[in-house]
Amino acid sequence: MNAARSALAAALIAASVVGAASPVGATEPGQCVEYSPLGYCVEWDVPTPGNPGGGGGGGGPPTDEVVCYWVTIPGDLAEDPTIWFDFNLTRPPEGVTVVWQSWECSDGSATFAFRWIIPATPANLAASVRGRLLAEMPQPSLDSSPPVGTAAIVGVPVFVDVTNWTGVVTESECAGGMCVTVTATPTLNFIPGETGSSSVRCAGSGSRYDPEGSSAEAQASEDGACAYEYRLRTGVQGRPSAWPGSVSVTWTISWTASTGASGSLPAVTRATLLPRAVNEVQTVVVGGETP
């Protein structure tokens, strides 16, 4: 485990244990027996509480010693928003399901100490992989025709292409005797920003204008072309100096587990602004003809 993951493991383990001191006479709580590659605990060795002296199921020789353990409890304590402040708890990672436990003792004494832990479930493993994939989902870097920063011409198509396109991204993680594969599939949208315009759903990474190919209009009309013809010039009364265009890449995320389970996770969108000034070409008519 590298230094970053070690730091994350320490932070999450600390967050999962209450800040108050353990009750007098209590034994140590269960220990983590397996960590995820991201560094948080996915399997805990949590003993079952009991009173060995009173035959409470703990086993071992009779004793009057009071023993205390972390015990899984039903319900979601996070439904009470004061739990985080009352017990000095840090919230768990986003999208990860947790199990709540209380610190209980064999003599029945109340300790009022709580923590959350992260069990190894397919959904939790998938959420951890999603967190790792976020680093592989960049802001779109753009190439366009005409170039970025150059004014377009009314009626002449503008083409847009993403130069750092990832394509489908897949990654797996195993823990707790199971493996999960997460797949992130990107789609590209070009938002021209012109009044009355609609978003353009683009195929793949977008489109590059080919000066050796067919006309710009023909290339722009192809299925999935990432192109748009501006109709209105900018910089005149009532219009901005540039239309507030943008390009967004949205990854839809799904997962499958070796257990047969499957599901989806929240999509991720990255966007880059692409403002575009638009000019109108004026023609001069001489003697009833256009030169």
C-alpha atoms as a PDB file:
ATOM      1  CA  MET A   1       0.000   0.000   0.000  1.00  0.00           C
ATOM      2  CA  ASN A   2       1.542   3.335  -1.035  1.00  0.00           C
ATOM      3  CA  ALA A   3       1.838   6.345   1.246  1.00  0.00           C
ATOM      4  CA  ALA A   4      -1.351   7.995  -0.001  1.00  0.00           C
ATOM      5  CA  ARG A   5      -3.437   4.885   0.573  1.00  0.00           C
ATOM      6  CA  SER A   6      -1.824   4.346   3.973  1.00  0.00           C
ATOM      7  CA  ALA A   7      -2.806   7.869   4.956  1.00  0.00           C
ATOM      8  CA  LEU A   8      -6.342   7.303   3.715  1.00  0.00           C
ATOM      9  CA  ALA A   9      -6.564   4.033   5.633  1.00  0.00           C
ATOM     10  CA  ALA A  10      -5.461   5.723   8.835  1.00  0.00           C
ATOM     11  CA  ALA A  11      -7.957   8.542   8.340  1.00  0.00           C
ATOM     12  CA  LEU A  12     -10.895   6.242   7.634  1.00  0.00           C
ATOM     13  CA  ILE A  13     -10.102   3.880  10.490  1.00  0.00           C
ATOM     14  CA  ALA A  14      -9.857   6.849  12.823  1.00  0.00           C
ATOM     15  CA  ALA A  15     -13.135   8.179  11.484  1.00  0.00           C
ATOM     16  CA  SER A  16     -14.892   4.887  12.124  1.00  0.00           C
ATOM     17  CA  VAL A  17     -14.073   4.829  15.839  1.00  0.00           C
ATOM     18  CA  VAL A  18     -15.648   7.235  18.300  1.00  0.00           C
ATOM     19  CA  GLY A  19     -13.489   9.880  19.858  1.00  0.00           C
ATOM     20  CA  ALA A  20     -14.399   9.036  23.452  1.00  0.00           C
ATOM     21  CA  ALA A  21     -12.103   6.792  25.522  1.00  0.00           C
ATOM     22  CA  SER A  22     -13.007   3.112  25.804  1.00  0.00           C
ATOM     23  CA  PRO A  23     -14.927   2.071  28.945  1.00  0.00           C
ATOM     24  CA  VAL A  24     -12.870   1.002  31.939  1.00  0.00           C
ATOM     25  CA  GLY A  25     -12.097  -2.725  31.856  1.00  0.00           C
ATOM     26  CA  ALA A  26     -12.984  -3.053  28.154  1.00  0.00           C
ATOM     27  CA  THR A  27     -10.970  -5.231  25.821  1.00  0.00           C
ATOM     28  CA  GLU A  28      -9.744  -3.951  22.495  1.00  0.00           C
ATOM     29  CA  PRO A  29     -12.407  -3.856  19.752  1.00  0.00           C
ATOM     30  CA  GLY A  30     -12.265  -6.018  16.659  1.00  0.00           C
ATOM     31  CA  GLN A  31      -9.318  -5.538  14.325  1.00  0.00           C
ATOM     32  CA  CYS A  32      -9.338  -5.012  10.581  1.00  0.00           C
ATOM     33  CA  VAL A  33      -8.436  -8.234   8.786  1.00  0.00           C
ATOM     34  CA  GLU A  34      -8.681  -7.031   5.158  1.00  0.00           C
ATOM     35  CA  TYR A  35      -8.221  -3.650   3.501  1.00  0.00           C
ATOM     36  CA  SER A  36      -9.447  -2.560   0.081  1.00  0.00           C
ATOM     37  CA  PRO A  37      -6.854  -1.294  -2.415  1.00  0.00           C
ATOM     38  CA  LEU A  38      -8.090   2.214  -1.583  1.00  0.00           C
ATOM     39  CA  GLY A  39      -7.015   1.701   2.002  1.00  0.00           C
ATOM     40  CA  TYR A  40     -10.224   1.362   3.986  1.00  0.00           C
ATOM     41  CA  CYS A  41     -11.293  -1.652   5.988  1.00  0.00           C
ATOM     42  CA  VAL A  42     -13.701  -4.036   4.244  1.00  0.00           C
ATOM     43  CA  GLU A  43     -13.687  -6.895   6.755  1.00  0.00           C
ATOM     44  CA  TRP A  44     -13.511  -6.670  10.535  1.00  0.00           C
ATOM     45  CA  ASP A  45     -12.887  -9.330  13.130  1.00  0.00           C
ATOM     46  CA  VAL A  46     -15.640  -8.360  15.563  1.00  0.00           C
ATOM     47  CA  PRO A  47     -16.154 -10.835  18.460  1.00  0.00           C
ATOM     48  CA  THR A  48     -19.630 -11.653  19.676  1.00  0.00           C
ATOM     49  CA  PRO A  49     -20.246 -10.207  23.144  1.00  0.00           C
ATOM     50  CA  GLY A  50     -21.074 -12.437  26.054  1.00  0.00           C
ATOM     51  CA  ASN A  51     -20.466 -12.942  29.746  1.00  0.00           C
ATOM     52  CA  PRO A  52     -18.034 -15.859  30.083  1.00  0.00           C
ATOM     53  CA  GLY A  53     -18.642 -16.028  33.814  1.00  0.00           C
ATOM     54  CA  GLY A  54     -22.400 -16.235  33.396  1.00  0.00           C
ATOM     55  CA  GLY A  55     -22.456 -18.613  30.459  1.00  0.00           C
ATOM     56  CA  GLY A  56     -23.456 -15.840  28.072  1.00  0.00           C
ATOM     57  CA  GLY A  57     -22.043 -17.574  25.012  1.00  0.00           C
ATOM     58  CA  GLY A  58     -18.543 -16.109  25.175  1.00  0.00           C
ATOM     59  CA  GLY A  59     -16.934 -19.450  26.088  1.00  0.00           C
ATOM     60  CA  GLY A  60     -13.753 -19.905  28.127  1.00  0.00           C
ATOM     61  CA  PRO A  61     -13.294 -20.413  31.824  1.00  0.00           C
ATOM     62  CA  PRO A  62     -15.671 -18.752  34.297  1.00  0.00           C
ATOM     63  CA  THR A  63     -14.648 -15.225  35.216  1.00  0.00           C
ATOM     64  CA  ASP A  64     -16.166 -12.106  36.677  1.00  0.00           C
ATOM     65  CA  GLU A  65     -14.226  -9.880  34.285  1.00  0.00           C
ATOM     66  CA  VAL A  66     -16.408  -7.486  32.318  1.00  0.00           C
ATOM     67  CA  VAL A  67     -15.629  -7.672  28.605  1.00  0.00           C
ATOM     68  CA  CYS A  68     -16.769  -5.192  25.981  1.00  0.00           C
ATOM     69  CA  TYR A  69     -16.988  -5.469  22.218  1.00  0.00           C
ATOM     70  CA  TRP A  70     -18.194  -3.591  19.156  1.00  0.00           C
ATOM     71  CA  VAL A  71     -21.571  -5.071  18.175  1.00  0.00           C
ATOM     72  CA  THR A  72     -23.429  -4.560  14.887  1.00  0.00           C
ATOM     73  CA  ILE A  73     -26.803  -2.917  15.450  1.00  0.00           C
ATOM     74  CA  PRO A  74     -29.846  -2.572  13.158  1.00  0.00           C
ATOM     75  CA  GLY A  75     -30.864   0.726  11.667  1.00  0.00           C
ATOM     76  CA  ASP A  76     -29.050   3.707  10.242  1.00  0.00           C
ATOM     77  CA  LEU A  77     -27.833   6.123  12.890  1.00  0.00           C
ATOM     78  CA  ALA A  78     -27.009   8.640  10.155  1.00  0.00           C
ATOM     79  CA  GLU A  79     -30.730   9.409   9.959  1.00  0.00           C
ATOM     80  CA  ASP A  80     -30.105  11.500  13.064  1.00  0.00           C
ATOM     81  CA  PRO A  81     -27.878  14.372  11.836  1.00  0.00           C
ATOM     82  CA  THR A  82     -26.629  15.053  15.370  1.00  0.00           C
ATOM     83  CA  ILE A  83     -24.788  11.707  15.466  1.00  0.00           C
ATOM     84  CA  TRP A  84     -21.757  13.271  13.761  1.00  0.00           C
ATOM     85  CA  PHE A  85     -21.412  16.011  16.358  1.00  0.00           C
ATOM     86  CA  ASP A  86     -22.499  14.125  19.465  1.00  0.00           C
ATOM     87  CA  PHE A  87     -19.918  11.364  18.938  1.00  0.00           C
ATOM     88  CA  ASN A  88     -17.237  13.259  17.016  1.00  0.00           C
ATOM     89  CA  LEU A  89     -17.615  11.095  13.915  1.00  0.00           C
ATOM     90  CA  THR A  90     -16.402  11.794  10.401  1.00  0.00           C
ATOM     91  CA  ARG A  91     -18.825  10.991   7.595  1.00  0.00           C
ATOM     92  CA  PRO A  92     -18.045   7.901   5.457  1.00  0.00           C
ATOM     93  CA  PRO A  93     -16.937   8.145   1.805  1.00  0.00           C
ATOM     94  CA  GLU A  94     -19.630   9.237  -0.634  1.00  0.00           C
ATOM     95  CA  GLY A  95     -21.627   6.398  -2.168  1.00  0.00           C
ATOM     96  CA  VAL A  96     -20.399   3.762   0.302  1.00  0.00           C
ATOM     97  CA  THR A  97     -22.876   1.873   2.508  1.00  0.00           C
ATOM     98  CA  VAL A  98     -21.818   1.445   6.118  1.00  0.00           C
ATOM     99  CA  VAL A  99     -22.809  -0.728   9.072  1.00  0.00           C
ATOM    100  CA  TRP A 100     -23.293   0.843  12.502  1.00  0.00           C
ATOM    101  CA  GLN A 101     -21.952  -0.674  15.700  1.00  0.00           C
ATOM    102  CA  SER A 102     -22.250   0.108  19.397  1.00  0.00           C
ATOM    103  CA  TRP A 103     -19.758  -0.581  22.206  1.00  0.00           C
ATOM    104  CA  GLU A 104     -21.460  -3.059  24.538  1.00  0.00           C
ATOM    105  CA  CYS A 105     -20.303  -4.825  27.689  1.00  0.00           C
ATOM    106  CA  SER A 106     -21.090  -8.243  29.102  1.00  0.00           C
ATOM    107  CA  ASP A 107     -22.459  -6.760  32.358  1.00  0.00           C
ATOM    108  CA  GLY A 108     -25.142  -4.898  30.425  1.00  0.00           C
ATOM    109  CA  SER A 109     -23.779  -1.457  31.235  1.00  0.00           C
ATOM    110  CA  ALA A 110     -24.517   1.283  28.729  1.00  0.00           C
ATOM    111  CA  THR A 111     -21.512   2.973  27.127  1.00  0.00           C
ATOM    112  CA  PHE A 112     -23.205   5.153  24.476  1.00  0.00           C
ATOM    113  CA  ALA A 113     -20.301   4.796  22.060  1.00  0.00           C
ATOM    114  CA  PHE A 114     -20.885   4.260  18.339  1.00  0.00           C
ATOM    115  CA  ARG A 115     -18.917   3.873  15.112  1.00  0.00           C
ATOM    116  CA  TRP A 116     -19.467   2.930  11.504  1.00  0.00           C
ATOM    117  CA  ILE A 117     -17.554   0.324   9.490  1.00  0.00           C
ATOM    118  CA  ILE A 118     -17.485  -0.485   5.792  1.00  0.00           C
ATOM    119  CA  PRO A 119     -18.481  -4.061   4.934  1.00  0.00           C
ATOM    120  CA  ALA A 120     -17.221  -5.766   1.797  1.00  0.00           C
ATOM    121  CA  THR A 121     -20.271  -5.738  -0.498  1.00  0.00           C
ATOM    122  CA  PRO A 122     -20.344  -5.601  -4.296  1.00  0.00           C
ATOM    123  CA  ALA A 123     -21.862  -2.108  -4.221  1.00  0.00           C
ATOM    124  CA  ASN A 124     -19.221  -0.807  -1.817  1.00  0.00           C
ATOM    125  CA  LEU A 125     -16.376  -2.251  -3.872  1.00  0.00           C
ATOM    126  CA  ALA A 126     -17.908  -0.718  -7.012  1.00  0.00           C
ATOM    127  CA  ALA A 127     -18.119   2.663  -5.281  1.00  0.00           C
ATOM    128  CA  SER A 128     -14.453   2.444  -4.328  1.00  0.00           C
ATOM    129  CA  VAL A 129     -13.482   1.698  -7.939  1.00  0.00           C
ATOM    130  CA  ARG A 130     -15.598   4.637  -9.121  1.00  0.00           C
ATOM    131  CA  GLY A 131     -13.627   6.869  -6.776  1.00  0.00           C
ATOM    132  CA  ARG A 132     -10.387   5.684  -8.350  1.00  0.00           C
ATOM    133  CA  LEU A 133     -11.718   6.142 -11.893  1.00  0.00           C
ATOM    134  CA  LEU A 134     -12.510   9.799 -11.244  1.00  0.00           C
ATOM    135  CA  ALA A 135      -8.818  10.564 -11.725  1.00  0.00           C
ATOM    136  CA  GLU A 136      -9.021   9.090 -15.223  1.00  0.00           C
ATOM    137  CA  MET A 137     -11.892  11.340 -16.326  1.00  0.00           C
ATOM    138  CA  PRO A 138     -10.295  14.623 -17.467  1.00  0.00           C
ATOM    139  CA  GLN A 139     -11.744  17.974 -18.440  1.00  0.00           C
ATOM    140  CA  PRO A 140     -12.181  17.917 -22.223  1.00  0.00           C
ATOM    141  CA  SER A 141      -9.294  19.410 -24.184  1.00  0.00           C
ATOM    142  CA  LEU A 142     -10.680  20.782 -27.424  1.00  0.00           C
ATOM    143  CA  ASP A 143      -9.718  21.167 -31.050  1.00  0.00           C
ATOM    144  CA  SER A 144     -12.098  22.939 -33.389  1.00  0.00           C
ATOM    145  CA  SER A 145     -12.507  24.306 -36.870  1.00  0.00           C
ATOM    146  CA  PRO A 146     -12.310  27.263 -36.962  1.00  0.00           C
ATOM    147  CA  PRO A 147      -9.727  27.161 -34.139  1.00  0.00           C
ATOM    148  CA  VAL A 148     -10.667  27.952 -30.572  1.00  0.00           C
ATOM    149  CA  GLY A 149     -10.816  31.746 -30.173  1.00  0.00           C
ATOM    150  CA  THR A 150     -11.492  32.384 -33.869  1.00  0.00           C
ATOM    151  CA  ALA A 151     -14.845  33.778 -34.918  1.00  0.00           C
ATOM    152  CA  ALA A 152     -17.185  31.533 -36.872  1.00  0.00           C
ATOM    153  CA  ILE A 153     -19.111  32.637 -39.958  1.00  0.00           C
ATOM    154  CA  VAL A 154     -22.897  32.554 -40.135  1.00  0.00           C
ATOM    155  CA  GLY A 155     -23.969  29.471 -42.108  1.00  0.00           C
ATOM    156  CA  VAL A 156     -20.523  27.826 -42.091  1.00  0.00           C
ATOM    157  CA  PRO A 157     -20.289  24.714 -39.868  1.00  0.00           C
ATOM    158  CA  VAL A 158     -18.123  24.692 -36.766  1.00  0.00           C
ATOM    159  CA  PHE A 159     -16.514  21.319 -35.966  1.00  0.00           C
ATOM    160  CA  VAL A 160     -15.453  20.198 -32.470  1.00  0.00           C
ATOM    161  CA  ASP A 161     -13.205  17.317 -31.372  1.00  0.00           C
ATOM    162  CA  VAL A 162     -11.972  16.199 -27.927  1.00  0.00           C
ATOM    163  CA  THR A 163      -8.238  15.553 -28.060  1.00  0.00           C
ATOM    164  CA  ASN A 164      -7.944  13.725 -24.713  1.00  0.00           C
ATOM    165  CA  TRP A 165     -10.827  11.325 -25.287  1.00  0.00           C
ATOM    166  CA  THR A 166     -10.642   8.295 -22.969  1.00  0.00           C
ATOM    167  CA  GLY A 167     -13.060   5.925 -24.631  1.00  0.00           C
ATOM    168  CA  VAL A 168     -14.596   3.240 -22.417  1.00  0.00           C
ATOM    169  CA  VAL A 169     -12.704   2.863 -19.127  1.00  0.00           C
ATOM    170  CA  THR A 170     -12.818  -0.437 -17.200  1.00  0.00           C
ATOM    171  CA  GLU A 171     -11.245  -1.330 -13.873  1.00  0.00           C
ATOM    172  CA  SER A 172     -11.673  -4.116 -11.311  1.00  0.00           C
ATOM    173  CA  GLU A 173     -11.180  -4.639  -7.594  1.00  0.00           C
ATOM    174  CA  CYS A 174     -11.335  -7.742  -5.395  1.00  0.00           C
ATOM    175  CA  ALA A 175     -11.950  -8.008  -1.644  1.00  0.00           C
ATOM    176  CA  GLY A 176     -13.914 -10.139   0.764  1.00  0.00           C
ATOM    177  CA  GLY A 177     -13.845 -13.152  -1.583  1.00  0.00           C
ATOM    178  CA  MET A 178     -15.469 -11.318  -4.505  1.00  0.00           C
ATOM    179  CA  CYS A 179     -14.442  -9.216  -7.492  1.00  0.00           C
ATOM    180  CA  VAL A 180     -16.208  -6.247  -9.064  1.00  0.00           C
ATOM    181  CA  THR A 181     -15.666  -4.777 -12.534  1.00  0.00           C
ATOM    182  CA  VAL A 182     -16.706  -1.180 -13.144  1.00  0.00           C
ATOM    183  CA  THR A 183     -17.226   0.199 -16.659  1.00  0.00           C
ATOM    184  CA  ALA A 184     -17.430   3.919 -17.457  1.00  0.00           C
ATOM    185  CA  THR A 185     -18.767   4.768 -20.924  1.00  0.00           C
ATOM    186  CA  PRO A 186     -18.369   8.363 -22.197  1.00  0.00           C
ATOM    187  CA  THR A 187     -20.705  10.366 -24.399  1.00  0.00           C
ATOM    188  CA  LEU A 188     -19.972  13.771 -25.919  1.00  0.00           C
ATOM    189  CA  ASN A 189     -22.283  16.761 -26.193  1.00  0.00           C
ATOM    190  CA  PHE A 190     -21.615  20.085 -27.917  1.00  0.00           C
ATOM    191  CA  ILE A 191     -23.692  22.983 -26.614  1.00  0.00           C
ATOM    192  CA  PRO A 192     -23.413  25.839 -29.156  1.00  0.00           C
ATOM    193  CA  GLY A 193     -24.848  28.422 -26.759  1.00  0.00           C
ATOM    194  CA  GLU A 194     -26.666  30.329 -29.496  1.00  0.00           C
ATOM    195  CA  THR A 195     -30.165  31.529 -28.692  1.00  0.00           C
ATOM    196  CA  GLY A 196     -32.651  28.830 -29.744  1.00  0.00           C
ATOM    197  CA  SER A 197     -29.994  26.173 -30.356  1.00  0.00           C
ATOM    198  CA  SER A 198     -30.101  22.602 -29.061  1.00  0.00           C
ATOM    199  CA  SER A 199     -27.354  20.385 -27.708  1.00  0.00           C
ATOM    200  CA  VAL A 200     -25.551  18.328 -30.365  1.00  0.00           C
ATOM    201  CA  ARG A 201     -25.046  14.659 -29.435  1.00  0.00           C
ATOM    202  CA  CYS A 202     -21.715  13.658 -30.968  1.00  0.00           C
ATOM    203  CA  ALA A 203     -20.360  10.269 -31.950  1.00  0.00           C
ATOM    204  CA  GLY A 204     -17.115   9.191 -30.328  1.00  0.00           C
ATOM    205  CA  SER A 205     -14.615  11.947 -29.625  1.00  0.00           C
ATOM    206  CA  GLY A 206     -16.212  14.410 -32.048  1.00  0.00           C
ATOM    207  CA  SER A 207     -15.439  15.552 -35.586  1.00  0.00           C
ATOM    208  CA  ARG A 208     -12.522  17.123 -37.391  1.00  0.00           C
ATOM    209  CA  TYR A 209     -13.081  19.001 -40.615  1.00  0.00           C
ATOM    210  CA  ASP A 210     -11.252  17.347 -43.518  1.00  0.00           C
ATOM    211  CA  PRO A 211     -10.274  19.987 -46.096  1.00  0.00           C
ATOM    212  CA  GLU A 212      -9.562  17.195 -48.599  1.00  0.00           C
ATOM    213  CA  GLY A 213     -13.006  15.658 -48.150  1.00  0.00           C
ATOM    214  CA  SER A 214     -16.493  16.657 -49.181  1.00  0.00           C
ATOM    215  CA  SER A 215     -17.924  20.097 -48.476  1.00  0.00           C
ATOM    216  CA  ALA A 216     -18.110  21.334 -44.895  1.00  0.00           C
ATOM    217  CA  GLU A 217     -21.907  21.196 -45.087  1.00  0.00           C
ATOM    218  CA  ALA A 218     -21.833  17.559 -46.230  1.00  0.00           C
ATOM    219  CA  GLN A 219     -19.413  16.581 -43.458  1.00  0.00           C
ATOM    220  CA  ALA A 220     -21.540  18.403 -40.870  1.00  0.00           C
ATOM    221  CA  SER A 221     -24.663  16.525 -41.987  1.00  0.00           C
ATOM    222  CA  GLU A 222     -23.171  13.066 -41.378  1.00  0.00           C
ATOM    223  CA  ASP A 223     -24.707  10.978 -38.594  1.00  0.00           C
ATOM    224  CA  GLY A 224     -23.075  11.743 -35.249  1.00  0.00           C
ATOM    225  CA  ALA A 225     -21.122  14.709 -36.608  1.00  0.00           C
ATOM    226  CA  CYS A 226     -19.997  17.085 -33.873  1.00  0.00           C
ATOM    227  CA  ALA A 227     -20.795  20.228 -35.824  1.00  0.00           C
ATOM    228  CA  TYR A 228     -23.107  23.218 -35.764  1.00  0.00           C
ATOM    229  CA  GLU A 229     -23.967  26.098 -38.105  1.00  0.00           C
ATOM    230  CA  TYR A 230     -24.490  29.369 -36.272  1.00  0.00           C
ATOM    231  CA  ARG A 231     -27.394  31.428 -37.594  1.00  0.00           C
ATOM    232  CA  LEU A 232     -26.994  34.664 -35.651  1.00  0.00           C
ATOM    233  CA  ARG A 233     -24.001  36.965 -35.498  1.00  0.00           C
ATOM    234  CA  THR A 234     -22.742  38.222 -32.171  1.00  0.00           C
ATOM    235  CA  GLY A 235     -21.750  41.668 -30.964  1.00  0.00           C
ATOM    236  CA  VAL A 236     -24.884  43.460 -32.135  1.00  0.00           C
ATOM    237  CA  GLN A 237     -27.504  45.077 -29.930  1.00  0.00           C
ATOM    238  CA  GLY A 238     -29.157  42.555 -27.622  1.00  0.00           C
ATOM    239  CA  ARG A 239     -26.558  39.840 -28.242  1.00  0.00           C
ATOM    240  CA  PRO A 240     -23.329  38.985 -26.426  1.00  0.00           C
ATOM    241  CA  SER A 241     -19.880  39.393 -27.917  1.00  0.00           C
ATOM    242  CA  ALA A 242     -19.665  35.581 -28.074  1.00  0.00           C
ATOM    243  CA  TRP A 243     -22.177  32.782 -27.728  1.00  0.00           C
ATOM    244  CA  PRO A 244     -21.533  30.903 -24.426  1.00  0.00           C
ATOM    245  CA  GLY A 245     -20.844  27.487 -25.897  1.00  0.00           C
ATOM    246  CA  SER A 246     -19.432  24.485 -24.070  1.00  0.00           C
ATOM    247  CA  VAL A 247     -18.473  20.852 -24.574  1.00  0.00           C
ATOM    248  CA  SER A 248     -19.269  18.181 -21.997  1.00  0.00           C
ATOM    249  CA  VAL A 249     -18.260  14.546 -21.609  1.00  0.00           C
ATOM    250  CA  THR A 250     -20.525  12.378 -19.431  1.00  0.00           C
ATOM    251  CA  TRP A 251     -19.449   8.924 -18.270  1.00  0.00           C
ATOM    252  CA  THR A 252     -22.289   6.537 -17.385  1.00  0.00           C
ATOM    253  CA  ILE A 253     -21.026   3.993 -14.861  1.00  0.00           C
ATOM    254  CA  SER A 254     -22.144   0.389 -14.376  1.00  0.00           C
ATOM    255  CA  TRP A 255     -20.715  -2.555 -12.465  1.00  0.00           C
ATOM    256  CA  THR A 256     -20.895  -6.338 -12.355  1.00  0.00           C
ATOM    257  CA  ALA A 257     -19.704  -8.616  -9.547  1.00  0.00           C
ATOM    258  CA  SER A 258     -18.431 -12.162  -9.472  1.00  0.00           C
ATOM    259  CA  THR A 259     -21.393 -12.926  -7.193  1.00  0.00           C
ATOM    260  CA  GLY A 260     -23.766 -12.225 -10.106  1.00  0.00           C
ATOM    261  CA  ALA A 261     -24.889  -8.872  -8.719  1.00  0.00           C
ATOM    262  CA  SER A 262     -24.842  -5.768 -10.908  1.00  0.00           C
ATOM    263  CA  GLY A 263     -25.865  -2.150 -10.746  1.00  0.00           C
ATOM    264  CA  SER A 264     -25.133   1.420 -11.706  1.00  0.00           C
ATOM    265  CA  LEU A 265     -23.446   4.364 -10.009  1.00  0.00           C
ATOM    266  CA  PRO A 266     -23.847   8.132 -10.387  1.00  0.00           C
ATOM    267  CA  ALA A 267     -22.615   9.449 -13.714  1.00  0.00           C
ATOM    268  CA  VAL A 268     -19.682  11.854 -13.943  1.00  0.00           C
ATOM    269  CA  THR A 269     -19.661  14.933 -16.204  1.00  0.00           C
ATOM    270  CA  ARG A 270     -16.702  17.098 -17.147  1.00  0.00           C
ATOM    271  CA  ALA A 271     -17.240  20.268 -19.195  1.00  0.00           C
ATOM    272  CA  THR A 272     -15.087  22.865 -20.948  1.00  0.00           C
ATOM    273  CA  LEU A 273     -16.315  26.295 -22.027  1.00  0.00           C
ATOM    274  CA  LEU A 274     -16.191  27.069 -25.748  1.00  0.00           C
ATOM    275  CA  PRO A 275     -17.397  30.649 -26.310  1.00  0.00           C
ATOM    276  CA  ARG A 276     -17.717  31.559 -29.972  1.00  0.00           C
ATOM    277  CA  ALA A 277     -17.937  34.931 -31.665  1.00  0.00           C
ATOM    278  CA  VAL A 278     -19.860  34.787 -34.949  1.00  0.00           C
ATOM    279  CA  ASN A 279     -19.438  37.163 -37.882  1.00  0.00           C
ATOM    280  CA  GLU A 280     -21.563  37.629 -40.959  1.00  0.00           C
ATOM    281  CA  VAL A 281     -19.929  37.854 -44.375  1.00  0.00           C
ATOM    282  CA  GLN A 282     -21.182  40.840 -46.377  1.00  0.00           C
ATOM    283  CA  THR A 283     -21.275  40.662 -50.155  1.00  0.00           C
ATOM    284  CA  VAL A 284     -21.213  43.626 -52.463  1.00  0.00           C
ATOM    285  CA  VAL A 285     -23.671  43.727 -55.377  1.00  0.00           C
ATOM    286  CA  VAL A 286     -22.476  45.604 -58.489  1.00  0.00           C
ATOM    287  CA  GLY A 287     -24.766  46.159 -61.442  1.00  0.00           C
ATOM    288  CA  GLY A 288     -27.221  43.559 -60.196  1.00  0.00           C
ATOM    289  CA  GLU A 289     -24.508  40.907 -59.925  1.00  0.00           C
ATOM    290  CA  THR A 290     -22.372  39.686 -57.061  1.00  0.00           C
ATOM    291  CA  PRO A 291     -18.676  39.961 -57.941  1.00  0.00           C
END
